Amino acid sequence: MSTVITTNVGVYAPGADVTAQAATPVVARTFVAIVADRPAGGNIQVGPAAAAGRTCGVARNDATAGGLTVLARGNSRVVRVTTSGAVAAFAEVQVGTGGTAITKTSGVAVGYALTSAASGTDAEISLY
């Protein structure tokens, strides 16, 4: 007879939204990154993603420091992200100032645009 292993090692399912605590204020429809370790029994700590850096998702709602925000995340998931420069449809994007999306230059590619967008408007981004 075989032994059944019942230990669940999963924490989050791929593409599932995650509730996070804002370590600093975050704005809806911008990229966020993990900025501190999770406190015991708490949520992951996020803030605006650094320009040209990696992300852990897109904030679905505004949150003040200490408040909660829901992160939209997952490979190939399409989300609306505010831009801080013109973005052409199908252009790869990276994080710009304040967690906005800009056309990729030398930063980490975090997705590509399904739609074009003028600076300061929302683009539909397929996340990597």
C-alpha atoms as a PDB file:
ATOM      1  CA  MET A   1       0.000   0.000   0.000  1.00  0.00           C
ATOM      2  CA  SER A   2       1.329   3.454  -0.891  1.00  0.00           C
ATOM      3  CA  THR A   3       1.678   6.344   1.514  1.00  0.00           C
ATOM      4  CA  VAL A   4      -0.457   9.423   0.890  1.00  0.00           C
ATOM      5  CA  ILE A   5       1.329  12.746   1.306  1.00  0.00           C
ATOM      6  CA  THR A   6      -1.043  15.404   2.561  1.00  0.00           C
ATOM      7  CA  THR A   7       1.297  18.352   3.021  1.00  0.00           C
ATOM      8  CA  ASN A   8       0.051  21.345   1.045  1.00  0.00           C
ATOM      9  CA  VAL A   9       3.020  23.409  -0.124  1.00  0.00           C
ATOM     10  CA  GLY A  10       0.955  25.836  -2.219  1.00  0.00           C
ATOM     11  CA  VAL A  11       0.621  29.445  -1.134  1.00  0.00           C
ATOM     12  CA  TYR A  12      -1.010  31.168  -4.130  1.00  0.00           C
ATOM     13  CA  ALA A  13      -2.503  29.679  -7.298  1.00  0.00           C
ATOM     14  CA  PRO A  14      -1.134  30.938 -10.639  1.00  0.00           C
ATOM     15  CA  GLY A  15      -3.050  33.969 -11.838  1.00  0.00           C
ATOM     16  CA  ALA A  16      -5.046  34.300  -8.630  1.00  0.00           C
ATOM     17  CA  ASP A  17      -5.566  37.739  -7.166  1.00  0.00           C
ATOM     18  CA  VAL A  18      -3.664  38.335  -3.941  1.00  0.00           C
ATOM     19  CA  THR A  19      -4.511  40.721  -1.102  1.00  0.00           C
ATOM     20  CA  ALA A  20      -1.502  42.783  -0.041  1.00  0.00           C
ATOM     21  CA  GLN A  21      -0.794  45.529   2.471  1.00  0.00           C
ATOM     22  CA  ALA A  22       0.528  48.816   1.129  1.00  0.00           C
ATOM     23  CA  ALA A  23       3.775  49.703   2.923  1.00  0.00           C
ATOM     24  CA  THR A  24       3.578  53.041   1.124  1.00  0.00           C
ATOM     25  CA  PRO A  25       0.588  54.480  -0.759  1.00  0.00           C
ATOM     26  CA  VAL A  26      -0.290  52.696  -4.014  1.00  0.00           C
ATOM     27  CA  VAL A  27      -2.508  53.836  -6.859  1.00  0.00           C
ATOM     28  CA  ALA A  28      -4.957  51.608  -8.718  1.00  0.00           C
ATOM     29  CA  ARG A  29      -3.890  50.494 -12.207  1.00  0.00           C
ATOM     30  CA  THR A  30      -0.154  50.764 -11.474  1.00  0.00           C
ATOM     31  CA  PHE A  31       2.542  48.114 -11.094  1.00  0.00           C
ATOM     32  CA  VAL A  32       3.562  47.195  -7.552  1.00  0.00           C
ATOM     33  CA  ALA A  33       6.477  45.246  -6.089  1.00  0.00           C
ATOM     34  CA  ILE A  34       7.223  43.520  -2.814  1.00  0.00           C
ATOM     35  CA  VAL A  35       9.054  46.040  -0.629  1.00  0.00           C
ATOM     36  CA  ALA A  36       9.365  44.214   2.698  1.00  0.00           C
ATOM     37  CA  ASP A  37       9.019  40.770   4.200  1.00  0.00           C
ATOM     38  CA  ARG A  38       5.579  39.544   5.192  1.00  0.00           C
ATOM     39  CA  PRO A  39       4.951  40.109   8.907  1.00  0.00           C
ATOM     40  CA  ALA A  40       3.880  37.061  10.928  1.00  0.00           C
ATOM     41  CA  GLY A  41       0.259  36.355  10.098  1.00  0.00           C
ATOM     42  CA  GLY A  42       0.041  39.322   7.731  1.00  0.00           C
ATOM     43  CA  ASN A  43      -0.130  40.059   4.034  1.00  0.00           C
ATOM     44  CA  ILE A  44       2.734  40.632   1.625  1.00  0.00           C
ATOM     45  CA  GLN A  45       4.022  44.223   1.794  1.00  0.00           C
ATOM     46  CA  VAL A  46       3.932  46.193  -1.454  1.00  0.00           C
ATOM     47  CA  GLY A  47       4.656  49.633  -2.826  1.00  0.00           C
ATOM     48  CA  PRO A  48       4.974  51.181  -6.277  1.00  0.00           C
ATOM     49  CA  ALA A  49       7.335  49.137  -8.462  1.00  0.00           C
ATOM     50  CA  ALA A  50      10.696  50.752  -9.201  1.00  0.00           C
ATOM     51  CA  ALA A  51      11.199  52.173 -12.684  1.00  0.00           C
ATOM     52  CA  ALA A  52      12.658  49.514 -15.021  1.00  0.00           C
ATOM     53  CA  GLY A  53      12.281  46.863 -12.280  1.00  0.00           C
ATOM     54  CA  ARG A  54      10.282  43.710 -11.640  1.00  0.00           C
ATOM     55  CA  THR A  55       6.694  43.590 -10.421  1.00  0.00           C
ATOM     56  CA  CYS A  56       4.458  41.274  -8.430  1.00  0.00           C
ATOM     57  CA  GLY A  57       1.227  42.524  -9.979  1.00  0.00           C
ATOM     58  CA  VAL A  58      -1.025  45.481 -10.668  1.00  0.00           C
ATOM     59  CA  ALA A  59      -2.957  47.255  -7.901  1.00  0.00           C
ATOM     60  CA  ARG A  60      -6.697  46.936  -8.419  1.00  0.00           C
ATOM     61  CA  ASN A  61      -7.504  49.688  -5.926  1.00  0.00           C
ATOM     62  CA  ASP A  62      -5.881  52.696  -4.254  1.00  0.00           C
ATOM     63  CA  ALA A  63      -4.488  52.078  -0.778  1.00  0.00           C
ATOM     64  CA  THR A  64      -2.941  54.347   1.814  1.00  0.00           C
ATOM     65  CA  ALA A  65       0.093  53.185   3.799  1.00  0.00           C
ATOM     66  CA  GLY A  66      -1.092  50.319   5.978  1.00  0.00           C
ATOM     67  CA  GLY A  67      -4.219  49.786   3.873  1.00  0.00           C
ATOM     68  CA  LEU A  68      -5.085  46.735   1.803  1.00  0.00           C
ATOM     69  CA  THR A  69      -4.992  46.426  -1.965  1.00  0.00           C
ATOM     70  CA  VAL A  70      -5.825  43.539  -4.266  1.00  0.00           C
ATOM     71  CA  LEU A  71      -3.186  42.586  -6.831  1.00  0.00           C
ATOM     72  CA  ALA A  72      -4.123  41.388 -10.296  1.00  0.00           C
ATOM     73  CA  ARG A  73      -1.406  38.986 -11.376  1.00  0.00           C
ATOM     74  CA  GLY A  74      -0.621  36.044 -13.590  1.00  0.00           C
ATOM     75  CA  ASN A  75       1.074  35.236 -16.875  1.00  0.00           C
ATOM     76  CA  SER A  76      -0.986  36.255 -19.928  1.00  0.00           C
ATOM     77  CA  ARG A  77      -3.574  37.985 -17.790  1.00  0.00           C
ATOM     78  CA  VAL A  78      -4.776  41.216 -19.412  1.00  0.00           C
ATOM     79  CA  VAL A  79      -5.123  44.240 -17.117  1.00  0.00           C
ATOM     80  CA  ARG A  80      -5.466  47.994 -17.513  1.00  0.00           C
ATOM     81  CA  VAL A  81      -2.365  49.934 -16.475  1.00  0.00           C
ATOM     82  CA  THR A  82      -1.906  53.713 -16.508  1.00  0.00           C
ATOM     83  CA  THR A  83       0.866  54.888 -18.840  1.00  0.00           C
ATOM     84  CA  SER A  84       3.355  57.730 -18.406  1.00  0.00           C
ATOM     85  CA  GLY A  85       4.376  57.840 -22.055  1.00  0.00           C
ATOM     86  CA  ALA A  86       2.753  56.902 -25.348  1.00  0.00           C
ATOM     87  CA  VAL A  87       2.602  53.120 -25.833  1.00  0.00           C
ATOM     88  CA  ALA A  88       1.926  51.448 -29.196  1.00  0.00           C
ATOM     89  CA  ALA A  89      -0.187  48.336 -29.569  1.00  0.00           C
ATOM     90  CA  PHE A  90       1.945  45.154 -29.259  1.00  0.00           C
ATOM     91  CA  ALA A  91       4.902  47.079 -27.803  1.00  0.00           C
ATOM     92  CA  GLU A  92       6.645  45.489 -24.830  1.00  0.00           C
ATOM     93  CA  VAL A  93       6.351  47.556 -21.673  1.00  0.00           C
ATOM     94  CA  GLN A  94       8.414  48.113 -18.559  1.00  0.00           C
ATOM     95  CA  VAL A  95       7.706  49.948 -15.335  1.00  0.00           C
ATOM     96  CA  GLY A  96       7.963  53.728 -15.498  1.00  0.00           C
ATOM     97  CA  THR A  97       7.814  56.381 -12.773  1.00  0.00           C
ATOM     98  CA  GLY A  98       5.320  55.652 -10.005  1.00  0.00           C
ATOM     99  CA  GLY A  99       4.561  52.144 -11.260  1.00  0.00           C
ATOM    100  CA  THR A 100       3.145  53.314 -14.587  1.00  0.00           C
ATOM    101  CA  ALA A 101       3.674  51.495 -17.891  1.00  0.00           C
ATOM    102  CA  ILE A 102       6.060  52.808 -20.538  1.00  0.00           C
ATOM    103  CA  THR A 103       7.463  51.369 -23.757  1.00  0.00           C
ATOM    104  CA  LYS A 104      10.360  49.029 -22.948  1.00  0.00           C
ATOM    105  CA  THR A 105      13.825  50.446 -23.444  1.00  0.00           C
ATOM    106  CA  SER A 106      16.445  48.914 -21.151  1.00  0.00           C
ATOM    107  CA  GLY A 107      14.310  47.767 -18.215  1.00  0.00           C
ATOM    108  CA  VAL A 108      12.686  44.447 -17.380  1.00  0.00           C
ATOM    109  CA  ALA A 109       9.863  43.566 -19.787  1.00  0.00           C
ATOM    110  CA  VAL A 110       6.729  43.035 -17.684  1.00  0.00           C
ATOM    111  CA  GLY A 111       4.208  42.559 -20.500  1.00  0.00           C
ATOM    112  CA  TYR A 112       3.038  43.864 -23.851  1.00  0.00           C
ATOM    113  CA  ALA A 113       0.276  46.247 -24.889  1.00  0.00           C
ATOM    114  CA  LEU A 114      -2.840  44.914 -26.580  1.00  0.00           C
ATOM    115  CA  THR A 115      -3.971  48.481 -27.222  1.00  0.00           C
ATOM    116  CA  SER A 116      -2.177  51.726 -27.883  1.00  0.00           C
ATOM    117  CA  ALA A 117      -2.445  54.457 -25.286  1.00  0.00           C
ATOM    118  CA  ALA A 118      -1.506  58.100 -24.971  1.00  0.00           C
ATOM    119  CA  SER A 119       0.509  59.219 -21.965  1.00  0.00           C
ATOM    120  CA  GLY A 120      -1.617  59.382 -18.827  1.00  0.00           C
ATOM    121  CA  THR A 121      -4.290  57.009 -20.125  1.00  0.00           C
ATOM    122  CA  ASP A 122      -4.805  53.281 -19.559  1.00  0.00           C
ATOM    123  CA  ALA A 123      -3.388  50.606 -21.843  1.00  0.00           C
ATOM    124  CA  GLU A 124      -4.516  46.993 -21.849  1.00  0.00           C
ATOM    125  CA  ILE A 125      -1.411  45.020 -20.899  1.00  0.00           C
ATOM    126  CA  SER A 126      -0.891  41.256 -21.177  1.00  0.00           C
ATOM    127  CA  LEU A 127       1.339  40.418 -18.211  1.00  0.00           C
ATOM    128  CA  TYR A 128       4.456  38.236 -18.458  1.00  0.00           C
END
